[in-house]
C-alpha atoms as a PDB file:
ATOM      1  CA  MET A   1      70.592 -34.923  31.824  1.00  0.00           C
ATOM      2  CA  LYS A   2      69.338 -35.274  28.284  1.00  0.00           C
ATOM      3  CA  LYS A   3      70.915 -33.231  25.527  1.00  0.00           C
ATOM      4  CA  CYS A   4      69.279 -31.030  22.781  1.00  0.00           C
ATOM      5  CA  ASN A   5      71.836 -32.104  20.156  1.00  0.00           C
ATOM      6  CA  SER A   6      70.137 -31.182  16.786  1.00  0.00           C
ATOM      7  CA  CYS A   7      66.826 -30.276  18.405  1.00  0.00           C
ATOM      8  CA  THR A   8      66.087 -26.572  17.841  1.00  0.00           C
ATOM      9  CA  LYS A   9      62.405 -26.374  18.404  1.00  0.00           C
ATOM     10  CA  CYS A  10      62.672 -23.630  21.144  1.00  0.00           C
ATOM     11  CA  CYS A  11      64.410 -21.422  18.648  1.00  0.00           C
ATOM     12  CA  ASP A  12      62.645 -22.141  15.338  1.00  0.00           C
ATOM     13  CA  GLY A  13      59.821 -19.780  15.815  1.00  0.00           C
ATOM     14  CA  SER A  14      57.651 -22.126  17.939  1.00  0.00           C
ATOM     15  CA  LEU A  15      58.154 -19.942  20.960  1.00  0.00           C
ATOM     16  CA  ARG A  16      58.399 -16.139  21.361  1.00  0.00           C
ATOM     17  CA  GLY A  17      61.476 -14.338  22.483  1.00  0.00           C
ATOM     18  CA  GLU A  18      64.193 -11.829  21.719  1.00  0.00           C
ATOM     19  CA  ALA A  19      67.852 -12.295  21.233  1.00  0.00           C
ATOM     20  CA  TYR A  20      69.956  -9.113  21.088  1.00  0.00           C
ATOM     21  CA  GLY A  21      67.319  -7.004  19.446  1.00  0.00           C
ATOM     22  CA  HIS A  22      66.109  -9.802  17.180  1.00  0.00           C
ATOM     23  CA  ASN A  23      62.566 -11.041  17.888  1.00  0.00           C
ATOM     24  CA  PHE A  24      61.404 -14.573  17.223  1.00  0.00           C
ATOM     25  CA  TYR A  25      57.953 -15.805  17.293  1.00  0.00           C
ATOM     26  CA  PRO A  26      55.621 -18.350  15.559  1.00  0.00           C
ATOM     27  CA  GLY A  27      56.694 -18.249  11.927  1.00  0.00           C
ATOM     28  CA  LYS A  28      59.942 -16.430  12.410  1.00  0.00           C
ATOM     29  CA  PRO A  29      62.925 -18.386  13.806  1.00  0.00           C
ATOM     30  CA  CYS A  30      65.633 -16.780  15.954  1.00  0.00           C
ATOM     31  CA  PHE A  31      68.144 -14.721  13.817  1.00  0.00           C
ATOM     32  CA  PHE A  32      70.944 -16.683  15.277  1.00  0.00           C
ATOM     33  CA  LEU A  33      69.663 -20.173  14.580  1.00  0.00           C
ATOM     34  CA  ILE A  34      70.827 -22.607  11.928  1.00  0.00           C
ATOM     35  CA  LEU A  35      67.926 -25.052  11.588  1.00  0.00           C
ATOM     36  CA  ASN A  36      68.547 -28.447  12.767  1.00  0.00           C
ATOM     37  CA  SER A  37      72.154 -27.587  13.717  1.00  0.00           C
ATOM     38  CA  GLY A  38      71.990 -25.066  16.539  1.00  0.00           C
ATOM     39  CA  CYS A  39      72.690 -21.605  17.902  1.00  0.00           C
ATOM     40  CA  THR A  40      75.509 -19.629  16.293  1.00  0.00           C
ATOM     41  CA  ILE A  41      75.974 -17.600  19.521  1.00  0.00           C
ATOM     42  CA  TYR A  42      75.458 -20.370  21.992  1.00  0.00           C
ATOM     43  CA  GLU A  43      78.206 -19.318  24.412  1.00  0.00           C
ATOM     44  CA  GLU A  44      77.035 -15.700  24.372  1.00  0.00           C
ATOM     45  CA  ARG A  45      73.298 -16.323  24.137  1.00  0.00           C
ATOM     46  CA  PRO A  46      71.108 -13.834  26.120  1.00  0.00           C
ATOM     47  CA  ASN A  47      69.659 -14.169  29.531  1.00  0.00           C
ATOM     48  CA  PRO A  48      66.981 -15.272  30.553  1.00  0.00           C
ATOM     49  CA  GLN A  49      65.082 -16.443  27.634  1.00  0.00           C
ATOM     50  CA  CYS A  50      67.984 -18.518  26.172  1.00  0.00           C
ATOM     51  CA  THR A  51      70.114 -19.475  28.976  1.00  0.00           C
ATOM     52  CA  GLU A  52      67.337 -20.357  31.428  1.00  0.00           C
ATOM     53  CA  TYR A  53      64.830 -22.073  29.076  1.00  0.00           C
ATOM     54  CA  PHE A  54      64.723 -25.811  29.078  1.00  0.00           C
ATOM     55  CA  CYS A  55      61.931 -27.844  27.494  1.00  0.00           C
ATOM     56  CA  LEU A  56      60.187 -30.347  29.690  1.00  0.00           C
ATOM     57  CA  TRP A  57      61.691 -33.206  27.700  1.00  0.00           C
ATOM     58  CA  ILE A  58      65.222 -32.014  28.793  1.00  0.00           C
ATOM     59  CA  THR A  59      64.342 -31.537  32.452  1.00  0.00           C
ATOM     60  CA  GLU A  60      62.026 -34.436  33.210  1.00  0.00           C
ATOM     61  CA  GLU A  61      63.648 -37.929  32.838  1.00  0.00           C
ATOM     62  CA  LYS A  62      60.245 -39.660  32.784  1.00  0.00           C
ATOM     63  CA  ILE A  63      59.445 -38.156  29.330  1.00  0.00           C
ATOM     64  CA  PRO A  64      60.358 -40.828  26.638  1.00  0.00           C
ATOM     65  CA  GLU A  65      62.520 -40.301  23.619  1.00  0.00           C
ATOM     66  CA  PHE A  66      59.696 -40.267  21.154  1.00  0.00           C
ATOM     67  CA  LEU A  67      58.420 -37.102  22.691  1.00  0.00           C
ATOM     68  CA  LYS A  68      61.748 -35.150  22.037  1.00  0.00           C
ATOM     69  CA  PRO A  69      60.388 -32.075  20.341  1.00  0.00           C
ATOM     70  CA  ASN A  70      62.339 -32.426  16.976  1.00  0.00           C
ATOM     71  CA  LYS A  71      60.852 -35.994  16.661  1.00  0.00           C
ATOM     72  CA  SER A  72      57.349 -35.343  17.868  1.00  0.00           C
ATOM     73  CA  ASP A  73      56.689 -31.717  16.797  1.00  0.00           C
ATOM     74  CA  CYS A  74      55.348 -31.328  20.352  1.00  0.00           C
ATOM     75  CA  LEU A  75      56.987 -28.909  22.757  1.00  0.00           C
ATOM     76  CA  ALA A  76      56.169 -29.005  26.411  1.00  0.00           C
ATOM     77  CA  SER A  77      57.312 -26.257  28.799  1.00  0.00           C
ATOM     78  CA  ILE A  78      56.754 -25.241  32.438  1.00  0.00           C
ATOM     79  CA  VAL A  79      54.909 -21.866  32.477  1.00  0.00           C
ATOM     80  CA  ASN A  80      53.311 -19.520  34.987  1.00  0.00           C
ATOM     81  CA  TYR A  81      49.915 -18.196  33.809  1.00  0.00           C
ATOM     82  CA  GLY A  82      47.902 -16.344  36.347  1.00  0.00           C
ATOM     83  CA  GLY A  83      50.038 -17.372  39.182  1.00  0.00           C
ATOM     84  CA  VAL A  84      49.594 -21.175  38.463  1.00  0.00           C
ATOM     85  CA  ILE A  85      52.659 -23.116  37.427  1.00  0.00           C
ATOM     86  CA  GLN A  86      51.729 -25.621  34.871  1.00  0.00           C
ATOM     87  CA  ILE A  87      52.860 -27.770  31.929  1.00  0.00           C
ATOM     88  CA  HIS A  88      52.080 -26.127  28.610  1.00  0.00           C
ATOM     89  CA  VAL A  89      52.033 -28.134  25.382  1.00  0.00           C
ATOM     90  CA  ILE A  90      52.155 -26.835  21.865  1.00  0.00           C
ATOM     91  CA  LYS A  91      52.167 -28.284  18.386  1.00  0.00           C
ATOM     92  CA  THR A  92      55.304 -27.215  16.504  1.00  0.00           C
ATOM     93  CA  GLY A  93      55.080 -28.922  13.173  1.00  0.00           C
ATOM     94  CA  LYS A  94      53.236 -31.343  10.842  1.00  0.00           C
ATOM     95  CA  ASN A  95      54.467 -34.565  12.440  1.00  0.00           C
ATOM     96  CA  PHE A  96      52.518 -33.807  15.762  1.00  0.00           C
ATOM     97  CA  ASP A  97      50.033 -36.611  16.635  1.00  0.00           C
ATOM     98  CA  ILE A  98      47.284 -36.094  19.136  1.00  0.00           C
ATOM     99  CA  LYS A  99      48.601 -39.202  21.065  1.00  0.00           C
ATOM    100  CA  TYR A 100      51.440 -36.980  22.189  1.00  0.00           C
ATOM    101  CA  LEU A 101      48.886 -34.544  23.848  1.00  0.00           C
ATOM    102  CA  GLU A 102      47.194 -37.623  25.402  1.00  0.00           C
ATOM    103  CA  TRP A 103      50.456 -38.776  26.754  1.00  0.00           C
ATOM    104  CA  TYR A 104      51.014 -35.399  28.510  1.00  0.00           C
ATOM    105  CA  LYS A 105      47.428 -35.421  29.797  1.00  0.00           C
ATOM    106  CA  GLU A 106      48.030 -38.800  31.526  1.00  0.00           C
ATOM    107  CA  PHE A 107      51.494 -37.737  32.709  1.00  0.00           C
ATOM    108  CA  ALA A 108      50.020 -34.506  34.315  1.00  0.00           C
ATOM    109  CA  ARG A 109      47.112 -36.496  35.826  1.00  0.00           C
ATOM    110  CA  MET A 110      49.384 -39.177  37.380  1.00  0.00           C
ATOM    111  CA  ASN A 111      51.706 -36.560  38.736  1.00  0.00           C
ATOM    112  CA  LYS A 112      49.089 -34.096  39.935  1.00  0.00           C
ATOM    113  CA  LYS A 113      50.266 -31.357  37.708  1.00  0.00           C
ATOM    114  CA  ASP A 114      48.240 -28.717  36.017  1.00  0.00           C
ATOM    115  CA  LEU A 115      48.248 -28.747  32.213  1.00  0.00           C
ATOM    116  CA  SER A 116      47.356 -26.374  29.448  1.00  0.00           C
ATOM    117  CA  TRP A 117      47.606 -26.763  25.699  1.00  0.00           C
ATOM    118  CA  ASN A 118      47.249 -24.855  22.333  1.00  0.00           C
ATOM    119  CA  ILE A 119      46.971 -27.253  19.433  1.00  0.00           C
ATOM    120  CA  ASP A 120      45.747 -25.797  16.064  1.00  0.00           C
ATOM    121  CA  GLY A 121      43.858 -22.969  17.982  1.00  0.00           C
ATOM    122  CA  GLU A 122      42.219 -25.407  20.434  1.00  0.00           C
ATOM    123  CA  ILE A 123      43.136 -24.116  23.989  1.00  0.00           C
ATOM    124  CA  GLY A 124      42.450 -26.527  26.763  1.00  0.00           C
ATOM    125  CA  TRP A 125      43.223 -27.142  30.432  1.00  0.00           C
ATOM    126  CA  GLN A 126      43.164 -29.887  33.031  1.00  0.00           C
ATOM    127  CA  GLY A 127      44.108 -29.841  36.615  1.00  0.00           C
ATOM    128  CA  SER A 128      43.315 -28.039  39.818  1.00  0.00           C
ATOM    129  CA  ASP A 129      40.556 -25.721  40.944  1.00  0.00           C
ATOM    130  CA  LYS A 130      43.304 -22.957  41.122  1.00  0.00           C
ATOM    131  CA  LEU A 131      44.036 -23.425  37.417  1.00  0.00           C
ATOM    132  CA  GLU A 132      40.381 -23.237  36.507  1.00  0.00           C
ATOM    133  CA  LYS A 133      39.914 -19.953  38.487  1.00  0.00           C
ATOM    134  CA  ALA A 134      43.113 -18.448  36.941  1.00  0.00           C
ATOM    135  CA  VAL A 135      41.839 -19.460  33.456  1.00  0.00           C
ATOM    136  CA  LYS A 136      38.365 -17.964  33.986  1.00  0.00           C
ATOM    137  CA  LYS A 137      39.875 -14.691  35.436  1.00  0.00           C
ATOM    138  CA  TYR A 138      42.409 -14.416  32.486  1.00  0.00           C
ATOM    139  CA  PHE A 139      39.765 -14.943  29.844  1.00  0.00           C
ATOM    140  CA  LYS A 140      37.004 -13.205  31.869  1.00  0.00           C
ATOM    141  CA  ILE A 141      34.613 -16.071  31.635  1.00  0.00           C
ATOM    142  CA  ASN A 142      31.998 -17.169  34.224  1.00  0.00           C
ATOM    143  CA  PHE A 143      31.065 -20.635  33.053  1.00  0.00           C
ATOM    144  CA  LYS A 144      32.435 -24.197  33.331  1.00  0.00           C
ATOM    145  CA  LEU A 145      35.111 -24.693  30.916  1.00  0.00           C
ATOM    146  CA  TYR A 146      34.382 -27.293  28.252  1.00  0.00           C
ATOM    147  CA  ASN A 147      37.908 -28.610  27.969  1.00  0.00           C
ATOM    148  CA  PHE A 148      38.522 -28.451  31.720  1.00  0.00           C
ATOM    149  CA  MET A 149      38.928 -31.742  33.623  1.00  0.00           C
ATOM    150  CA  ASN A 150      39.432 -31.519  37.275  1.00  0.00           C
ATOM    151  CA  TYR A 151      41.723 -34.402  38.456  1.00  0.00           C
ATOM    152  CA  PHE A 152      42.776 -33.276  42.006  1.00  0.00           C
END
């Protein structure tokens, strides 16, 4: 299994969570984080948001080194939105390049996985009819999604 080492993108304020009464969210890193070093309470970190979260780069061996979140400023996670499990990609910093999102789009297509993303306010999806229905229900829309590309 790959190792986080100095990558702290999941704790730097790119994601939302709470650790022992301290909220973290976009723009506000975890209270217990030392940037580019790690968690000061790693052995006692809270459940489930800290002990059970692993980015897709860690869990999926096929994802190359250049997409490690602290190198690419691109964080991919497995999420459940509207009952549909999918890959979700976000931009986490200024070094993000659109080619990283394109890599995940192709990866999702080749592996028949649903994909969603939020990059600089652009929200997009590709994947199954089930995902499209969940997105329409969540956002209460009744038209074909512009960013939606049905691959399977």
